[in-house]
Amino acid sequence: MNDLVAASGPLTRFARRIALLGVIVTGLLALGTIGLAVGEGVGPWYAFRWALDTAATVGGFPQPRSTVGQIIHVGLIVLGVGTLFYALATVAEFFAAGHVGELLAARRMQKMIDSLADHHIVCAYGRVGRQVVRDLRAARARFVVVDAKSENRHLAEREGVPFIEGDATDDAVLVQAGIARARSIIACADSDADNVFIALTARELRADIAIVARAGIEDTEKKLKRAGADRVISPYKASATEMARLALHPQLSGVVDVDVEYRLEEIVAGEGCEATGQTVGDIRGGSMIVGLRRQAEFHPQPPADTTIRPGDILVAIGTPATLERLEDLLAPASTPGRGPEGLLA
């Protein structure tokens, strides 16, 4: 169940209870009208007003003279007062529980999500998902989180994270998250099976979206690729590689991890991109291009007059802003602003 539907649940229950009250009141007045009309020998309109007056305990009509009328009179008073208290309790419970506020907040959140475009959909808000969100925020990227756990929704609300409570393998939930307008899907659930299903669902809904998925074991990497993931990341493999690298070459730590504001990325020059025909010196801007891979050959520190061709893979270091500008220049003509193809491990 998605977040808006979850918030609408109390409203639905409240509407059902009000509808039940309406049926009870209608039936009560109908029986009272018939009973008073027959027992007291009065017209239907007068009997209806009499029944309504009695049920509301106003006391503007005389006491019934017949036994049937008196029984109806007592029944209307008892049931009318009981129904009134039930109605008051229902309304008070609805407002006191804060359901109205939850519903309005969910509607505001959905309206904000509906306004997003070129955003990232982060599937799961566990440890990996929270780190992904921190990095996306640091890059000032637009995103929305999808997670089925209510405890993660409360955590996201405290941190001001756009959140949809729902199953990311559900077509309707991804549609609600704006997959038609999204830039990428990031499947980072703890379960490899969930990530495979997320990739399958996302690829079926949109063939051209970028999908980055997390894999816990090596065998899952192949399955994720077959499911439609463009890039597969294994946190355990990446962290183990990094630990071994730092142990073997501790001096490298200062080379890559210069500052939290700087990143090292690989970016592919897409077909028909704006940078085609320009030189490395023309496009680098505030970033530093430290390598270029062309037709399986790697060229470190390419000269500034090197011409960019479609299919070239540039290795660049820079801030998120400078790298984003470079990504836009290298993005394929059909998918502007697609962004980086991946991060170097």
Protein backbone atom coordinates (compact mmCIF):
# COMPACT_ATOMS: atom_id res chain seq x y z
CA MET A 1 0.00 0.00 0.00
CA ASN A 2 1.44 3.31 -0.99
CA ASP A 3 1.79 6.33 1.26
CA LEU A 4 -1.25 8.24 0.01
CA VAL A 5 -3.48 5.18 0.20
CA ALA A 6 -2.20 4.46 3.71
CA ALA A 7 -3.04 8.00 4.78
CA SER A 8 -6.46 7.74 3.12
CA GLY A 9 -7.30 4.56 5.08
CA PRO A 10 -8.52 6.39 8.23
CA LEU A 11 -10.59 8.75 6.06
CA THR A 12 -12.19 5.75 4.33
CA ARG A 13 -13.05 4.16 7.67
CA PHE A 14 -14.43 7.48 8.91
CA ALA A 15 -16.60 7.81 5.79
CA ARG A 16 -17.93 4.27 6.28
CA ARG A 17 -18.87 4.98 9.88
CA ILE A 18 -20.63 8.21 8.87
CA ALA A 19 -22.48 6.31 6.14
CA LEU A 20 -23.53 3.71 8.72
CA LEU A 21 -24.79 6.51 10.97
CA GLY A 22 -26.79 7.89 8.06
CA VAL A 23 -28.43 4.52 7.46
CA ILE A 24 -29.26 4.14 11.17
CA VAL A 25 -30.76 7.64 11.42
CA THR A 26 -32.77 7.18 8.23
CA GLY A 27 -34.14 3.84 9.39
CA LEU A 28 -34.87 5.24 12.86
CA LEU A 29 -36.83 8.21 11.48
CA ALA A 30 -38.69 6.03 8.98
CA LEU A 31 -39.84 3.59 11.70
CA GLY A 32 -40.69 6.46 14.05
CA THR A 33 -42.71 8.26 11.38
CA ILE A 34 -44.71 5.12 10.53
CA GLY A 35 -45.24 4.21 14.20
CA LEU A 36 -46.41 7.69 15.23
CA ALA A 37 -48.61 8.07 12.16
CA VAL A 38 -50.36 4.76 12.87
CA GLY A 39 -50.40 4.95 16.68
CA GLU A 40 -51.40 8.62 16.99
CA GLY A 41 -53.50 8.89 13.85
CA VAL A 42 -51.60 11.91 12.44
CA GLY A 43 -50.43 12.72 8.91
CA PRO A 44 -47.05 11.53 7.55
CA TRP A 45 -45.44 14.99 7.52
CA TYR A 46 -46.55 15.76 11.09
CA ALA A 47 -45.41 12.25 12.18
CA PHE A 48 -41.99 12.79 10.56
CA ARG A 49 -41.45 16.12 12.30
CA TRP A 50 -42.60 14.56 15.57
CA ALA A 51 -40.14 11.65 15.16
CA LEU A 52 -37.32 14.04 14.29
CA ASP A 53 -38.10 16.26 17.28
CA THR A 54 -38.15 13.26 19.61
CA ALA A 55 -34.92 11.69 18.25
CA ALA A 56 -33.14 15.02 18.64
CA THR A 57 -34.56 15.34 22.22
CA VAL A 58 -35.89 18.84 21.47
CA GLY A 59 -39.25 18.32 23.21
CA GLY A 60 -41.35 20.64 21.04
CA PHE A 61 -44.18 18.13 20.50
CA PRO A 62 -46.71 16.75 23.02
CA GLN A 63 -46.44 13.37 24.66
CA PRO A 64 -48.06 10.52 22.67
CA ARG A 65 -51.42 9.33 23.99
CA SER A 66 -51.42 5.77 22.65
CA THR A 67 -49.34 2.89 23.99
CA VAL A 68 -47.75 2.33 20.56
CA GLY A 69 -46.91 6.00 20.34
CA GLN A 70 -45.32 6.02 23.78
CA ILE A 71 -43.20 2.96 22.94
CA ILE A 72 -42.04 4.63 19.72
CA HIS A 73 -41.36 7.83 21.66
CA VAL A 74 -39.14 6.08 24.21
CA GLY A 75 -37.33 4.11 21.51
CA LEU A 76 -36.62 7.28 19.53
CA ILE A 77 -35.19 9.02 22.59
CA VAL A 78 -32.93 6.11 23.58
CA LEU A 79 -31.69 5.35 20.08
CA GLY A 80 -31.45 9.02 19.10
CA VAL A 81 -29.24 9.90 22.09
CA GLY A 82 -27.11 6.80 21.51
CA THR A 83 -26.66 7.63 17.84
CA LEU A 84 -25.73 11.22 18.68
CA PHE A 85 -23.02 10.13 21.11
CA TYR A 86 -21.70 7.61 18.58
CA ALA A 87 -21.50 10.33 15.92
CA LEU A 88 -19.69 12.73 18.26
CA ALA A 89 -17.24 10.01 19.33
CA THR A 90 -16.52 9.11 15.69
CA VAL A 91 -15.81 12.71 14.67
CA ALA A 92 -13.74 13.41 17.81
CA GLU A 93 -11.65 10.26 17.31
CA PHE A 94 -10.94 11.14 13.68
CA PHE A 95 -9.67 14.64 14.46
CA ALA A 96 -7.94 13.76 17.75
CA ALA A 97 -5.90 10.99 16.10
CA GLY A 98 -4.46 13.50 13.63
CA HIS A 99 -5.71 11.63 10.56
CA VAL A 100 -6.67 14.87 8.83
CA GLY A 101 -3.13 16.19 9.20
CA GLU A 102 -1.66 12.91 7.94
CA LEU A 103 -3.93 12.93 4.91
CA LEU A 104 -3.13 16.55 4.06
CA ALA A 105 0.61 15.93 4.53
CA ALA A 106 0.45 12.87 2.26
CA ARG A 107 -1.39 14.87 -0.41
CA ARG A 108 1.19 17.68 -0.20
CA MET A 109 4.01 15.14 -0.49
CA GLN A 110 2.40 13.49 -3.52
CA LYS A 111 1.85 16.88 -5.17
CA MET A 112 5.54 17.68 -4.67
CA ILE A 113 6.56 14.28 -6.09
CA ASP A 114 4.28 14.82 -9.10
CA SER A 115 6.17 18.04 -9.83
CA LEU A 116 9.56 16.26 -9.97
CA ALA A 117 11.31 15.60 -13.28
CA ASP A 118 14.77 14.26 -14.13
CA HIS A 119 14.89 12.86 -10.60
CA HIS A 120 16.27 9.66 -9.05
CA ILE A 121 14.05 6.99 -7.48
CA VAL A 122 15.83 5.38 -4.52
CA CYS A 123 14.28 1.99 -3.77
CA ALA A 124 14.79 1.09 -0.09
CA TYR A 125 15.91 3.34 2.76
CA GLY A 126 18.27 1.09 4.67
CA ARG A 127 21.90 1.86 5.40
CA VAL A 128 22.88 1.87 1.73
CA GLY A 129 19.78 3.82 0.72
CA ARG A 130 20.41 6.49 3.35
CA GLN A 131 23.98 6.95 2.13
CA VAL A 132 22.72 7.22 -1.46
CA VAL A 133 20.32 9.94 -0.33
CA ARG A 134 23.10 11.83 1.45
CA ASP A 135 25.22 11.76 -1.71
CA LEU A 136 22.30 12.85 -3.90
CA ARG A 137 21.60 15.72 -1.52
CA ALA A 138 25.26 16.74 -1.59
CA ALA A 139 25.04 16.83 -5.39
CA ARG A 140 21.79 18.85 -5.13
CA ALA A 141 19.99 16.19 -7.18
CA ARG A 142 16.23 15.66 -7.07
CA PHE A 143 15.08 12.30 -5.70
CA VAL A 144 12.27 10.37 -4.04
CA VAL A 145 12.57 7.31 -1.79
CA VAL A 146 10.32 4.24 -2.05
CA ASP A 147 10.23 1.82 0.88
CA ALA A 148 7.56 -0.47 2.30
CA LYS A 149 8.65 -0.13 5.95
CA SER A 150 6.66 2.38 8.02
CA GLU A 151 9.59 2.89 10.42
CA ASN A 152 11.69 4.11 7.51
CA ARG A 153 8.91 6.51 6.54
CA HIS A 154 9.04 8.10 10.00
CA LEU A 155 12.83 8.37 9.73
CA ALA A 156 12.55 9.96 6.27
CA GLU A 157 9.93 12.44 7.50
CA ARG A 158 12.24 13.57 10.31
CA GLU A 159 15.02 14.12 7.78
CA GLY A 160 12.78 15.88 5.26
CA VAL A 161 13.20 13.19 2.60
CA PRO A 162 10.46 12.81 -0.07
CA PHE A 163 9.06 9.37 0.68
CA ILE A 164 6.48 6.93 -0.70
CA GLU A 165 5.53 4.02 1.52
CA GLY A 166 5.06 1.12 -0.85
CA ASP A 167 6.57 -1.89 -2.58
CA ALA A 168 9.07 -0.81 -5.25
CA THR A 169 8.34 -4.00 -7.22
CA ASP A 170 4.76 -2.80 -7.71
CA ASP A 171 4.12 -1.06 -11.04
CA ALA A 172 1.66 1.40 -9.50
CA VAL A 173 4.16 2.51 -6.85
CA LEU A 174 6.89 3.25 -9.39
CA VAL A 175 4.37 5.12 -11.52
CA GLN A 176 3.40 7.13 -8.44
CA ALA A 177 7.11 7.89 -7.89
CA GLY A 178 7.24 9.37 -11.40
CA ILE A 179 9.22 6.74 -13.29
CA ALA A 180 8.00 8.23 -16.57
CA ARG A 181 9.88 11.46 -15.76
CA ALA A 182 12.74 10.00 -13.71
CA ARG A 183 16.43 10.02 -14.56
CA SER A 184 17.35 6.75 -12.85
CA ILE A 185 16.26 3.92 -10.59
CA ILE A 186 18.59 3.01 -7.72
CA ALA A 187 17.73 -0.43 -6.34
CA CYS A 188 19.50 -0.73 -2.99
CA ALA A 189 17.29 -3.10 -1.01
CA ASP A 190 18.94 -5.52 1.43
CA SER A 191 17.45 -8.46 -0.50
CA ASP A 192 19.04 -9.36 -3.84
CA ALA A 193 15.75 -10.90 -4.95
CA ASP A 194 13.96 -7.60 -4.32
CA ASN A 195 16.56 -5.73 -6.36
CA VAL A 196 16.14 -8.18 -9.26
CA PHE A 197 12.35 -7.67 -9.23
CA ILE A 198 12.77 -3.88 -8.96
CA ALA A 199 15.05 -3.92 -12.02
CA LEU A 200 12.60 -6.12 -13.95
CA THR A 201 9.64 -3.93 -13.07
CA ALA A 202 11.44 -0.68 -13.86
CA ARG A 203 12.77 -1.96 -17.18
CA GLU A 204 9.32 -3.20 -18.19
CA LEU A 205 7.75 0.18 -17.35
CA ARG A 206 10.43 2.19 -19.12
CA ALA A 207 13.01 0.77 -21.50
CA ASP A 208 15.33 3.80 -21.55
CA ILE A 209 15.73 4.56 -17.86
CA ALA A 210 19.12 4.11 -16.16
CA ILE A 211 19.06 1.39 -13.49
CA VAL A 212 21.75 1.07 -10.84
CA ALA A 213 21.36 -1.93 -8.55
CA ARG A 214 23.00 -3.32 -5.44
CA ALA A 215 24.16 -6.95 -5.37
CA GLY A 216 25.06 -8.87 -2.24
CA ILE A 217 26.65 -11.89 -3.94
CA GLU A 218 28.53 -12.29 -7.21
CA ASP A 219 25.95 -14.61 -8.79
CA THR A 220 23.27 -11.93 -8.39
CA GLU A 221 25.28 -9.44 -10.47
CA LYS A 222 24.63 -11.52 -13.61
CA LYS A 223 20.93 -11.86 -12.78
CA LEU A 224 20.60 -8.12 -12.26
CA LYS A 225 22.23 -7.46 -15.61
CA ARG A 226 19.79 -9.88 -17.27
CA ALA A 227 16.93 -8.19 -15.41
CA GLY A 228 17.83 -4.87 -17.01
CA ALA A 229 20.26 -3.16 -14.62
CA ASP A 230 22.78 -0.92 -16.39
CA ARG A 231 25.22 -0.87 -13.50
CA VAL A 232 25.58 -3.34 -10.64
CA ILE A 233 27.42 -2.42 -7.45
CA SER A 234 28.46 -4.84 -4.71
CA PRO A 235 29.09 -2.87 -1.50
CA TYR A 236 30.92 -5.81 0.05
CA LYS A 237 33.13 -6.36 -2.98
CA ALA A 238 33.81 -2.64 -3.38
CA SER A 239 34.65 -2.16 0.31
CA ALA A 240 36.87 -5.26 0.34
CA THR A 241 38.73 -4.01 -2.74
CA GLU A 242 39.16 -0.59 -1.15
CA MET A 243 40.46 -2.10 2.09
CA ALA A 244 42.99 -4.23 0.21
CA ARG A 245 44.02 -1.26 -1.94
CA LEU A 246 44.62 0.96 1.09
CA ALA A 247 46.53 -1.80 2.87
CA LEU A 248 48.78 -2.36 -0.13
CA HIS A 249 49.10 1.30 -1.09
CA PRO A 250 48.13 3.51 1.86
CA GLN A 251 49.55 6.55 0.12
CA LEU A 252 46.73 6.33 -2.46
CA SER A 253 44.19 7.39 0.13
CA GLY A 254 45.25 10.98 -0.30
CA VAL A 255 45.01 10.80 -4.09
CA VAL A 256 41.39 9.74 -4.53
CA ASP A 257 39.80 10.97 -1.31
CA VAL A 258 40.95 14.58 -1.69
CA ASP A 259 37.81 16.08 -0.22
CA VAL A 260 34.18 15.09 0.24
CA GLU A 261 33.26 17.72 -2.36
CA TYR A 262 35.38 16.09 -5.07
CA ARG A 263 34.56 12.95 -7.01
CA LEU A 264 36.27 10.72 -9.54
CA GLU A 265 33.90 9.57 -12.29
CA GLU A 266 33.83 7.79 -15.63
CA ILE A 267 31.59 9.50 -18.18
CA VAL A 268 30.75 8.09 -21.62
CA ALA A 269 30.50 10.44 -24.60
CA GLY A 270 27.10 9.61 -26.05
CA GLU A 271 26.10 9.54 -29.69
CA GLY A 272 25.35 13.04 -30.94
CA CYS A 273 26.47 14.68 -27.70
CA GLU A 274 27.27 18.37 -27.61
CA ALA A 275 30.97 17.69 -26.96
CA THR A 276 31.45 15.71 -30.19
CA GLY A 277 34.19 17.36 -32.24
CA GLN A 278 35.35 19.57 -29.38
CA THR A 279 38.63 19.12 -27.60
CA VAL A 280 39.40 18.08 -24.03
CA GLY A 281 40.50 21.63 -23.31
CA ASP A 282 37.20 23.00 -24.62
CA ILE A 283 34.94 20.89 -22.40
CA ARG A 284 36.78 20.30 -19.14
CA GLY A 285 35.78 23.60 -17.51
CA GLY A 286 36.46 23.42 -13.77
CA SER A 287 36.96 19.64 -13.80
CA MET A 288 40.19 17.78 -14.47
CA ILE A 289 40.21 15.05 -17.12
CA VAL A 290 42.85 12.57 -15.97
CA GLY A 291 42.26 9.79 -18.49
CA LEU A 292 40.50 8.81 -21.71
CA ARG A 293 39.56 5.27 -22.77
CA ARG A 294 39.05 4.82 -26.52
CA GLN A 295 38.57 1.46 -28.26
CA ALA A 296 39.97 -0.54 -25.33
CA GLU A 297 43.05 1.70 -25.09
CA PHE A 298 43.56 3.92 -22.06
CA HIS A 299 45.29 7.28 -22.50
CA PRO A 300 46.33 8.92 -19.21
CA GLN A 301 46.32 12.70 -19.03
CA PRO A 302 45.08 13.27 -22.61
CA PRO A 303 46.43 16.44 -24.24
CA ALA A 304 44.13 19.47 -24.27
CA ASP A 305 43.84 19.28 -28.10
CA THR A 306 42.47 15.70 -28.06
CA THR A 307 39.19 15.62 -30.01
CA ILE A 308 36.19 14.00 -28.33
CA ARG A 309 34.46 11.18 -30.25
CA PRO A 310 31.22 9.29 -29.48
CA GLY A 311 31.99 6.25 -27.33
CA ASP A 312 34.99 7.81 -25.60
CA ILE A 313 35.08 7.25 -21.85
CA LEU A 314 36.48 10.19 -19.92
CA VAL A 315 37.86 9.84 -16.40
CA ALA A 316 37.36 13.15 -14.64
CA ILE A 317 37.74 14.57 -11.16
CA GLY A 318 35.84 17.58 -9.89
CA THR A 319 33.02 18.88 -7.74
CA PRO A 320 29.46 17.66 -8.32
CA ALA A 321 28.65 20.94 -10.10
CA THR A 322 31.59 20.81 -12.52
CA LEU A 323 31.04 17.12 -13.23
CA GLU A 324 27.36 17.72 -13.87
CA ARG A 325 28.25 20.31 -16.50
CA LEU A 326 30.60 17.78 -18.10
CA GLU A 327 27.88 15.11 -17.99
CA ASP A 328 25.48 17.41 -19.80
CA LEU A 329 28.03 18.04 -22.56
CA LEU A 330 28.64 14.30 -22.99
CA ALA A 331 25.01 13.16 -22.67
CA PRO A 332 23.50 11.52 -25.80
CA ALA A 333 21.35 13.83 -27.88
CA SER A 334 18.26 11.66 -27.22
CA THR A 335 18.71 11.66 -23.43
CA PRO A 336 19.96 15.10 -22.32
CA GLY A 337 21.25 15.33 -18.78
CA ARG A 338 21.44 11.56 -18.36
CA GLY A 339 24.46 11.95 -16.09
CA PRO A 340 27.43 9.78 -15.23
CA GLU A 341 27.63 6.19 -16.35
CA GLY A 342 29.27 5.20 -13.09
CA LEU A 343 31.73 5.87 -10.32
CA LEU A 344 35.18 4.41 -10.21
CA ALA A 345 35.70 1.86 -7.47
